[in-house]
C-alpha atoms as a PDB file:
ATOM      1  CA  MET A   1     116.740 138.140 106.597  1.00  0.00           C
ATOM      2  CA  ILE A   2     120.499 138.036 106.721  1.00  0.00           C
ATOM      3  CA  ARG A   3     121.927 137.837 103.182  1.00  0.00           C
ATOM      4  CA  THR A   4     125.394 136.376 103.309  1.00  0.00           C
ATOM      5  CA  CYS A   5     128.072 136.214 100.510  1.00  0.00           C
ATOM      6  CA  HIS A   6     130.765 133.783 101.287  1.00  0.00           C
ATOM      7  CA  ARG A   7     132.606 135.072  98.145  1.00  0.00           C
ATOM      8  CA  THR A   8     133.155 138.648  99.764  1.00  0.00           C
ATOM      9  CA  GLY A   9     132.911 137.505 103.579  1.00  0.00           C
ATOM     10  CA  VAL A  10     130.169 140.267 103.749  1.00  0.00           C
ATOM     11  CA  ALA A  11     126.492 139.514 105.105  1.00  0.00           C
ATOM     12  CA  SER A  12     123.809 142.342 104.574  1.00  0.00           C
ATOM     13  CA  VAL A  13     121.114 142.589 107.494  1.00  0.00           C
ATOM     14  CA  PRO A  14     118.078 144.849 108.008  1.00  0.00           C
ATOM     15  CA  VAL A  15     118.484 147.544 110.444  1.00  0.00           C
ATOM     16  CA  GLY A  16     116.724 150.500 111.956  1.00  0.00           C
ATOM     17  CA  ARG A  17     118.766 153.685 111.225  1.00  0.00           C
ATOM     18  CA  VAL A  18     118.261 156.334 113.804  1.00  0.00           C
ATOM     19  CA  THR A  19     119.451 159.887 113.142  1.00  0.00           C
ATOM     20  CA  GLY A  20     118.368 162.298 116.040  1.00  0.00           C
ATOM     21  CA  SER A  21     114.766 161.150 116.762  1.00  0.00           C
ATOM     22  CA  LEU A  22     114.002 159.829 113.296  1.00  0.00           C
ATOM     23  CA  SER A  23     114.257 156.286 112.633  1.00  0.00           C
ATOM     24  CA  LEU A  24     114.188 154.584 109.130  1.00  0.00           C
ATOM     25  CA  PRO A  25     114.452 151.296 107.750  1.00  0.00           C
ATOM     26  CA  ALA A  26     117.977 150.478 106.025  1.00  0.00           C
ATOM     27  CA  SER A  27     120.293 147.699 105.571  1.00  0.00           C
ATOM     28  CA  ASP A  28     123.931 147.378 106.874  1.00  0.00           C
ATOM     29  CA  GLU A  29     126.899 145.352 105.850  1.00  0.00           C
ATOM     30  CA  LEU A  30     128.672 142.987 108.446  1.00  0.00           C
ATOM     31  CA  SER A  31     131.661 140.805 108.272  1.00  0.00           C
ATOM     32  CA  VAL A  32     130.582 137.153 108.257  1.00  0.00           C
ATOM     33  CA  GLU A  33     131.831 135.081 111.164  1.00  0.00           C
ATOM     34  CA  GLU A  34     131.407 131.299 110.998  1.00  0.00           C
ATOM     35  CA  PRO A  35     133.223 128.314 112.405  1.00  0.00           C
ATOM     36  CA  LEU A  36     136.056 126.505 110.544  1.00  0.00           C
ATOM     37  CA  GLU A  37     137.003 122.806 111.390  1.00  0.00           C
ATOM     38  CA  ILE A  38     140.697 122.184 110.804  1.00  0.00           C
ATOM     39  CA  ARG A  39     141.423 118.375 110.590  1.00  0.00           C
ATOM     40  CA  VAL A  40     144.802 116.386 110.069  1.00  0.00           C
ATOM     41  CA  ALA A  41     145.417 113.155 108.819  1.00  0.00           C
ATOM     42  CA  GLY A  42     148.598 110.981 108.314  1.00  0.00           C
ATOM     43  CA  SER A  43     149.999 109.979 104.960  1.00  0.00           C
ATOM     44  CA  SER A  44     147.653 108.093 102.782  1.00  0.00           C
ATOM     45  CA  ASP A  45     147.090 105.125 104.930  1.00  0.00           C
ATOM     46  CA  GLY A  46     143.369 105.226 105.327  1.00  0.00           C
ATOM     47  CA  SER A  47     143.301 106.487 108.648  1.00  0.00           C
ATOM     48  CA  PRO A  48     140.477 109.052 109.551  1.00  0.00           C
ATOM     49  CA  PRO A  49     141.446 112.611 109.950  1.00  0.00           C
ATOM     50  CA  MET A  50     141.785 114.004 113.477  1.00  0.00           C
ATOM     51  CA  PRO A  51     139.899 117.131 114.488  1.00  0.00           C
ATOM     52  CA  ILE A  52     142.700 119.662 115.598  1.00  0.00           C
ATOM     53  CA  ALA A  53     140.706 123.098 116.157  1.00  0.00           C
ATOM     54  CA  VAL A  54     137.613 124.904 115.551  1.00  0.00           C
ATOM     55  CA  THR A  55     138.287 128.602 114.789  1.00  0.00           C
ATOM     56  CA  MET A  56     135.532 131.428 114.310  1.00  0.00           C
ATOM     57  CA  ARG A  57     136.741 133.074 111.068  1.00  0.00           C
ATOM     58  CA  THR A  58     135.425 135.073 108.003  1.00  0.00           C
ATOM     59  CA  PRO A  59     135.091 132.659 105.063  1.00  0.00           C
ATOM     60  CA  GLY A  60     137.660 132.736 102.440  1.00  0.00           C
ATOM     61  CA  ASP A  61     141.290 131.792 102.140  1.00  0.00           C
ATOM     62  CA  ASP A  62     140.301 128.633 104.391  1.00  0.00           C
ATOM     63  CA  VAL A  63     143.091 126.576 102.967  1.00  0.00           C
ATOM     64  CA  GLU A  64     145.748 129.276 103.728  1.00  0.00           C
ATOM     65  CA  LEU A  65     144.229 129.621 107.292  1.00  0.00           C
ATOM     66  CA  ALA A  66     144.811 126.019 107.974  1.00  0.00           C
ATOM     67  CA  ALA A  67     148.263 125.950 106.642  1.00  0.00           C
ATOM     68  CA  GLY A  68     149.253 128.966 108.414  1.00  0.00           C
ATOM     69  CA  PHE A  69     147.641 127.581 111.674  1.00  0.00           C
ATOM     70  CA  LEU A  70     149.488 124.436 111.519  1.00  0.00           C
ATOM     71  CA  PHE A  71     152.521 125.846 111.075  1.00  0.00           C
ATOM     72  CA  THR A  72     152.424 128.733 113.682  1.00  0.00           C
ATOM     73  CA  GLU A  73     151.166 126.214 116.266  1.00  0.00           C
ATOM     74  CA  GLY A  74     154.017 123.925 115.634  1.00  0.00           C
ATOM     75  CA  ILE A  75     152.246 121.053 114.253  1.00  0.00           C
ATOM     76  CA  ILE A  76     154.275 121.076 110.973  1.00  0.00           C
ATOM     77  CA  SER A  77     157.455 122.376 110.633  1.00  0.00           C
ATOM     78  CA  GLY A  78     157.030 123.678 106.932  1.00  0.00           C
ATOM     79  CA  PRO A  79     155.468 123.143 103.773  1.00  0.00           C
ATOM     80  CA  ASP A  80     157.390 120.054 102.975  1.00  0.00           C
ATOM     81  CA  ASP A  81     155.351 118.329 105.669  1.00  0.00           C
ATOM     82  CA  LEU A  82     152.201 118.833 103.967  1.00  0.00           C
ATOM     83  CA  GLU A  83     150.978 116.247 101.068  1.00  0.00           C
ATOM     84  CA  ALA A  84     147.736 118.259 100.556  1.00  0.00           C
ATOM     85  CA  VAL A  85     145.528 120.810 102.017  1.00  0.00           C
ATOM     86  CA  GLU A  86     141.945 120.932 100.745  1.00  0.00           C
ATOM     87  CA  ARG A  87     138.453 122.309 101.610  1.00  0.00           C
ATOM     88  CA  THR A  88     136.123 119.442 102.396  1.00  0.00           C
ATOM     89  CA  GLY A  89     132.810 121.427 103.076  1.00  0.00           C
ATOM     90  CA  PRO A  90     132.054 125.070 103.341  1.00  0.00           C
ATOM     91  CA  ASN A  91     133.399 125.055 106.984  1.00  0.00           C
ATOM     92  CA  ALA A  92     135.899 122.302 107.086  1.00  0.00           C
ATOM     93  CA  VAL A  93     139.492 121.856 105.802  1.00  0.00           C
ATOM     94  CA  LYS A  94     141.475 118.836 105.735  1.00  0.00           C
ATOM     95  CA  ALA A  95     145.313 118.618 105.875  1.00  0.00           C
ATOM     96  CA  ARG A  96     147.231 115.247 105.030  1.00  0.00           C
ATOM     97  CA  LEU A  97     150.811 115.037 106.076  1.00  0.00           C
ATOM     98  CA  GLN A  98     153.512 113.433 104.138  1.00  0.00           C
ATOM     99  CA  PRO A  99     154.765 109.922 104.809  1.00  0.00           C
ATOM    100  CA  GLY A 100     157.042 109.772 107.689  1.00  0.00           C
ATOM    101  CA  VAL A 101     155.633 112.989 109.386  1.00  0.00           C
ATOM    102  CA  ALA A 102     154.376 112.200 112.874  1.00  0.00           C
ATOM    103  CA  LEU A 103     151.238 114.094 114.419  1.00  0.00           C
ATOM    104  CA  GLU A 104     152.202 114.620 117.962  1.00  0.00           C
ATOM    105  CA  PRO A 105     149.567 114.644 120.374  1.00  0.00           C
ATOM    106  CA  ALA A 106     151.225 117.069 122.797  1.00  0.00           C
ATOM    107  CA  LYS A 107     151.460 119.869 120.075  1.00  0.00           C
ATOM    108  CA  LEU A 108     147.435 119.618 119.567  1.00  0.00           C
ATOM    109  CA  ASP A 109     146.514 121.719 122.443  1.00  0.00           C
ATOM    110  CA  ARG A 110     146.082 125.264 121.332  1.00  0.00           C
ATOM    111  CA  HIS A 111     146.268 126.462 124.962  1.00  0.00           C
ATOM    112  CA  SER A 112     149.895 125.373 125.376  1.00  0.00           C
ATOM    113  CA  PHE A 113     150.795 128.830 125.042  1.00  0.00           C
ATOM    114  CA  VAL A 114     149.375 131.073 127.978  1.00  0.00           C
ATOM    115  CA  SER A 115     148.727 134.525 126.634  1.00  0.00           C
ATOM    116  CA  SER A 116     148.554 136.283 130.039  1.00  0.00           C
ATOM    117  CA  SER A 117     151.543 138.014 131.094  1.00  0.00           C
ATOM    118  CA  CYS A 118     151.706 136.227 134.507  1.00  0.00           C
ATOM    119  CA  GLY A 119     155.264 135.498 135.651  1.00  0.00           C
ATOM    120  CA  ALA A 120     155.820 131.727 135.475  1.00  0.00           C
ATOM    121  CA  CYS A 121     153.280 131.142 132.854  1.00  0.00           C
ATOM    122  CA  GLY A 122     154.714 133.903 130.641  1.00  0.00           C
ATOM    123  CA  LYS A 123     158.438 132.393 131.020  1.00  0.00           C
ATOM    124  CA  ARG A 124     157.009 129.119 130.056  1.00  0.00           C
ATOM    125  CA  SER A 125     155.241 130.438 127.089  1.00  0.00           C
ATOM    126  CA  ILE A 126     158.389 132.228 125.943  1.00  0.00           C
ATOM    127  CA  ALA A 127     160.654 129.183 126.340  1.00  0.00           C
ATOM    128  CA  ALA A 128     157.901 127.021 124.278  1.00  0.00           C
ATOM    129  CA  VAL A 129     158.298 129.795 121.313  1.00  0.00           C
ATOM    130  CA  ARG A 130     161.879 129.383 121.613  1.00  0.00           C
ATOM    131  CA  VAL A 131     161.845 125.463 120.980  1.00  0.00           C
ATOM    132  CA  LEU A 132     159.313 125.967 118.011  1.00  0.00           C
ATOM    133  CA  ARG A 133     161.354 128.750 116.305  1.00  0.00           C
ATOM    134  CA  ARG A 134     163.249 127.236 113.349  1.00  0.00           C
ATOM    135  CA  HIS A 135     164.326 130.663 111.597  1.00  0.00           C
ATOM    136  CA  ARG A 136     166.691 132.913 113.492  1.00  0.00           C
ATOM    137  CA  ILE A 137     165.978 136.334 113.192  1.00  0.00           C
ATOM    138  CA  ALA A 138     169.174 138.227 111.742  1.00  0.00           C
ATOM    139  CA  PRO A 139     170.203 141.384 113.721  1.00  0.00           C
ATOM    140  CA  GLU A 140     169.534 144.963 112.363  1.00  0.00           C
ATOM    141  CA  GLU A 141     168.019 143.742 109.073  1.00  0.00           C
ATOM    142  CA  PRO A 142     166.184 145.071 107.270  1.00  0.00           C
ATOM    143  CA  ARG A 143     166.947 148.811 107.654  1.00  0.00           C
ATOM    144  CA  VAL A 144     163.771 150.469 107.478  1.00  0.00           C
ATOM    145  CA  SER A 145     163.174 154.536 107.516  1.00  0.00           C
ATOM    146  CA  PRO A 146     160.544 156.127 109.714  1.00  0.00           C
ATOM    147  CA  GLU A 147     158.888 157.492 106.546  1.00  0.00           C
ATOM    148  CA  VAL A 148     158.290 153.927 105.333  1.00  0.00           C
ATOM    149  CA  VAL A 149     156.797 152.962 108.549  1.00  0.00           C
ATOM    150  CA  HIS A 150     154.556 156.218 108.591  1.00  0.00           C
ATOM    151  CA  GLY A 151     153.136 155.127 105.330  1.00  0.00           C
ATOM    152  CA  LEU A 152     152.276 151.645 106.348  1.00  0.00           C
ATOM    153  CA  PRO A 153     148.880 152.224 107.740  1.00  0.00           C
ATOM    154  CA  ASP A 154     147.392 154.102 105.007  1.00  0.00           C
ATOM    155  CA  SER A 155     148.667 151.101 102.469  1.00  0.00           C
ATOM    156  CA  LEU A 156     147.025 148.681 104.841  1.00  0.00           C
ATOM    157  CA  ARG A 157     143.695 150.498 104.916  1.00  0.00           C
ATOM    158  CA  ALA A 158     143.663 150.945 101.086  1.00  0.00           C
ATOM    159  CA  GLY A 159     144.010 147.300 100.561  1.00  0.00           C
ATOM    160  CA  GLN A 160     141.252 146.531 103.084  1.00  0.00           C
ATOM    161  CA  SER A 161     138.342 145.909 101.034  1.00  0.00           C
ATOM    162  CA  GLY A 162     136.289 144.073 103.751  1.00  0.00           C
ATOM    163  CA  PHE A 163     136.848 146.814 106.306  1.00  0.00           C
ATOM    164  CA  ALA A 164     135.703 149.467 103.737  1.00  0.00           C
ATOM    165  CA  ARG A 165     132.383 147.695 103.564  1.00  0.00           C
ATOM    166  CA  THR A 166     131.761 146.735 107.080  1.00  0.00           C
ATOM    167  CA  GLY A 167     134.222 148.692 109.358  1.00  0.00           C
ATOM    168  CA  GLY A 168     134.419 145.441 111.542  1.00  0.00           C
ATOM    169  CA  ILE A 169     137.468 143.066 110.394  1.00  0.00           C
ATOM    170  CA  HIS A 170     140.885 142.885 111.128  1.00  0.00           C
ATOM    171  CA  ALA A 171     143.981 142.793 108.886  1.00  0.00           C
ATOM    172  CA  SER A 172     147.596 141.880 108.338  1.00  0.00           C
ATOM    173  CA  GLY A 173     149.606 143.068 105.598  1.00  0.00           C
ATOM    174  CA  LEU A 174     153.033 141.943 104.533  1.00  0.00           C
ATOM    175  CA  PHE A 175     155.311 144.573 103.210  1.00  0.00           C
ATOM    176  CA  ASP A 176     158.911 144.955 101.674  1.00  0.00           C
ATOM    177  CA  ALA A 177     161.361 147.085 103.206  1.00  0.00           C
ATOM    178  CA  SER A 178     160.499 150.163 100.811  1.00  0.00           C
ATOM    179  CA  GLY A 179     156.873 149.832 102.024  1.00  0.00           C
ATOM    180  CA  ARG A 180     155.400 148.120  99.234  1.00  0.00           C
ATOM    181  CA  LEU A 181     152.406 145.757 100.249  1.00  0.00           C
ATOM    182  CA  LEU A 182     152.984 142.358  98.956  1.00  0.00           C
ATOM    183  CA  CYS A 183     150.127 140.399 100.824  1.00  0.00           C
ATOM    184  CA  LEU A 184     147.194 141.392 102.570  1.00  0.00           C
ATOM    185  CA  ARG A 185     144.360 139.161 104.498  1.00  0.00           C
ATOM    186  CA  GLU A 186     141.364 139.968 106.562  1.00  0.00           C
ATOM    187  CA  ASP A 187     139.511 138.099 109.181  1.00  0.00           C
ATOM    188  CA  VAL A 188     137.120 139.023 112.048  1.00  0.00           C
ATOM    189  CA  GLY A 189     139.821 137.253 114.184  1.00  0.00           C
ATOM    190  CA  ARG A 190     143.159 139.058 114.484  1.00  0.00           C
ATOM    191  CA  HIS A 191     145.085 135.722 114.884  1.00  0.00           C
ATOM    192  CA  ASN A 192     143.174 134.300 111.848  1.00  0.00           C
ATOM    193  CA  ALA A 193     144.045 137.007 109.606  1.00  0.00           C
ATOM    194  CA  LEU A 194     147.649 136.733 110.493  1.00  0.00           C
ATOM    195  CA  ASP A 195     147.635 132.962 109.839  1.00  0.00           C
ATOM    196  CA  LYS A 196     146.071 133.425 106.434  1.00  0.00           C
ATOM    197  CA  LEU A 197     148.820 135.770 105.525  1.00  0.00           C
ATOM    198  CA  ILE A 198     151.486 133.379 107.033  1.00  0.00           C
ATOM    199  CA  GLY A 199     149.831 130.390 105.378  1.00  0.00           C
ATOM    200  CA  ALA A 200     149.637 132.177 101.830  1.00  0.00           C
ATOM    201  CA  GLU A 201     153.519 132.845 102.177  1.00  0.00           C
ATOM    202  CA  LEU A 202     154.059 129.304 103.362  1.00  0.00           C
ATOM    203  CA  LEU A 203     152.481 127.532 100.699  1.00  0.00           C
ATOM    204  CA  ALA A 204     154.318 129.794  98.025  1.00  0.00           C
ATOM    205  CA  GLY A 205     157.412 128.539  99.606  1.00  0.00           C
ATOM    206  CA  ARG A 206     158.468 132.017 101.047  1.00  0.00           C
ATOM    207  CA  ILE A 207     158.995 131.284 104.594  1.00  0.00           C
ATOM    208  CA  PRO A 208     161.028 132.558 106.434  1.00  0.00           C
ATOM    209  CA  LEU A 209     159.926 136.183 106.029  1.00  0.00           C
ATOM    210  CA  ALA A 210     163.645 137.446 106.761  1.00  0.00           C
ATOM    211  CA  ASP A 211     163.443 140.735 104.983  1.00  0.00           C
ATOM    212  CA  ARG A 212     159.689 141.535 105.440  1.00  0.00           C
ATOM    213  CA  LEU A 213     157.600 143.798 107.567  1.00  0.00           C
ATOM    214  CA  VAL A 214     154.176 143.061 108.978  1.00  0.00           C
ATOM    215  CA  LEU A 215     151.403 145.410 110.134  1.00  0.00           C
ATOM    216  CA  VAL A 216     148.508 144.500 112.063  1.00  0.00           C
ATOM    217  CA  SER A 217     145.352 146.350 112.593  1.00  0.00           C
ATOM    218  CA  GLY A 218     144.377 146.734 116.193  1.00  0.00           C
ATOM    219  CA  ARG A 219     146.473 145.750 119.097  1.00  0.00           C
ATOM    220  CA  VAL A 220     149.146 143.264 119.266  1.00  0.00           C
ATOM    221  CA  SER A 221     149.170 140.241 121.815  1.00  0.00           C
ATOM    222  CA  PHE A 222     151.758 137.653 122.759  1.00  0.00           C
ATOM    223  CA  GLU A 223     150.118 135.058 120.231  1.00  0.00           C
ATOM    224  CA  LEU A 224     150.717 137.221 117.207  1.00  0.00           C
ATOM    225  CA  VAL A 225     154.422 137.979 118.183  1.00  0.00           C
ATOM    226  CA  GLN A 226     154.594 133.998 118.553  1.00  0.00           C
ATOM    227  CA  LYS A 227     153.359 133.532 115.056  1.00  0.00           C
ATOM    228  CA  ALA A 228     155.314 136.144 113.505  1.00  0.00           C
ATOM    229  CA  ALA A 229     158.612 135.027 115.403  1.00  0.00           C
ATOM    230  CA  ILE A 230     157.896 131.335 114.048  1.00  0.00           C
ATOM    231  CA  ALA A 231     157.489 132.804 110.353  1.00  0.00           C
ATOM    232  CA  GLY A 232     160.790 134.648 111.003  1.00  0.00           C
ATOM    233  CA  VAL A 233     159.150 138.161 110.763  1.00  0.00           C
ATOM    234  CA  PRO A 234     161.943 140.936 111.716  1.00  0.00           C
ATOM    235  CA  VAL A 235     159.662 143.879 112.071  1.00  0.00           C
ATOM    236  CA  LEU A 236     156.256 143.572 113.432  1.00  0.00           C
ATOM    237  CA  GLY A 237     154.128 146.686 113.656  1.00  0.00           C
ATOM    238  CA  ALA A 238     150.597 147.319 115.154  1.00  0.00           C
ATOM    239  CA  VAL A 239     148.221 150.062 114.865  1.00  0.00           C
ATOM    240  CA  GLY A 240     147.174 149.680 118.337  1.00  0.00           C
ATOM    241  CA  ALA A 241     149.078 148.747 121.779  1.00  0.00           C
ATOM    242  CA  PRO A 242     151.332 145.779 122.482  1.00  0.00           C
ATOM    243  CA  SER A 243     150.835 143.659 125.586  1.00  0.00           C
ATOM    244  CA  SER A 244     153.669 143.462 128.200  1.00  0.00           C
ATOM    245  CA  LEU A 245     154.202 139.733 127.234  1.00  0.00           C
ATOM    246  CA  ALA A 246     154.342 140.565 123.588  1.00  0.00           C
ATOM    247  CA  VAL A 247     157.079 143.033 124.215  1.00  0.00           C
ATOM    248  CA  GLU A 248     158.971 140.539 126.369  1.00  0.00           C
ATOM    249  CA  LEU A 249     158.748 137.840 123.510  1.00  0.00           C
ATOM    250  CA  ALA A 250     159.687 140.388 120.679  1.00  0.00           C
ATOM    251  CA  ARG A 251     162.889 141.152 122.843  1.00  0.00           C
ATOM    252  CA  GLU A 252     163.629 137.338 123.315  1.00  0.00           C
ATOM    253  CA  CYS A 253     163.312 136.752 119.716  1.00  0.00           C
ATOM    254  CA  GLY A 254     165.286 139.839 118.553  1.00  0.00           C
ATOM    255  CA  MET A 255     162.259 141.143 116.770  1.00  0.00           C
ATOM    256  CA  THR A 256     161.668 144.981 116.324  1.00  0.00           C
ATOM    257  CA  LEU A 257     158.214 145.465 117.699  1.00  0.00           C
ATOM    258  CA  LEU A 258     156.324 148.721 116.914  1.00  0.00           C
ATOM    259  CA  GLY A 259     152.974 150.099 118.459  1.00  0.00           C
ATOM    260  CA  PHE A 260     150.675 152.871 117.849  1.00  0.00           C
ATOM    261  CA  VAL A 261     151.631 153.147 114.163  1.00  0.00           C
ATOM    262  CA  ARG A 262     149.217 155.810 113.144  1.00  0.00           C
ATOM    263  CA  ASP A 263     149.003 159.507 112.670  1.00  0.00           C
ATOM    264  CA  GLY A 264     152.781 160.268 111.866  1.00  0.00           C
ATOM    265  CA  ARG A 265     154.234 158.493 114.901  1.00  0.00           C
ATOM    266  CA  PHE A 266     154.682 155.259 116.434  1.00  0.00           C
ATOM    267  CA  ASN A 267     156.548 153.672 119.535  1.00  0.00           C
ATOM    268  CA  VAL A 268     159.846 151.115 119.391  1.00  0.00           C
ATOM    269  CA  TYR A 269     159.253 148.510 121.970  1.00  0.00           C
ATOM    270  CA  SER A 270     162.135 146.209 121.094  1.00  0.00           C
ATOM    271  CA  ASP A 271     165.339 146.319 118.985  1.00  0.00           C
ATOM    272  CA  SER A 272     165.396 149.937 117.430  1.00  0.00           C
ATOM    273  CA  GLY A 273     168.520 148.987 115.627  1.00  0.00           C
ATOM    274  CA  ARG A 274     166.522 148.334 112.321  1.00  0.00           C
ATOM    275  CA  ILE A 275     164.847 151.578 112.321  1.00  0.00           C
ATOM    276  CA  ASP A 276     167.128 153.920 110.267  1.00  0.00           C
ATOM    277  CA  SER A 277     166.247 157.613 111.304  1.00  0.00           C
ATOM    278  CA  SER A 278     169.796 158.751 109.625  1.00  0.00           C
ATOM    279  CA  ASP A 279     167.601 160.848 107.145  1.00  0.00           C
ATOM    280  CA  SER A 280     165.085 162.122 109.443  1.00  0.00           C
END
């Protein structure tokens, strides 16, 4: 029997644990993965909510996930577009728009951004992000020392309670220029973890993230750079590698993109002006 705790996002499952040739019954903890339906309704006019997306996520921070998703996909332009966001069931969230905010059907296709790095498709994807961006990223701000960047992975890992238990969940962490961890969100989906983080800051009125750093576990794709750019993130780092289109978009946006941030090293793929190596 699988025992699931939605409060912690962890499920306990029976397993057979094999060491050498010896097998013994045991239990293992896994990150929970369940669908979340996001619906959007107009202002209080009695119209039924419209299903926008179903995403596979780790339960928890669902309201933040929905708000972040709506913002980074361009469906809303900021928190002032939202009248309310609420859970309507264990796997459902409803957002209601403020009066006068129109729900544009053309923005409801999640696949409007093509994440493969094919020539014409990539150029159209980057152009679409340029249209959605409302916050210009200031050049060469903030200034960050290599020592601060080197310390980010350990700070991220120390805050990952879900990863410590399961070893199978992604994280996005928000830091200030001194390397202090300000906010962290975890999810089985890399995109969801970042949407949860951005959603938390959006609902708290702290967008754009103009003087902040974001570090994500794993690799960084075009879509993660897209979401960070829309939130005004100037420095995005990843424990793993970026894709070619992620680098192209980061350069287009004037964002500093860092890859392979681990073991006392990292690569700078775009805009090295924010990395202050004068003391190194």
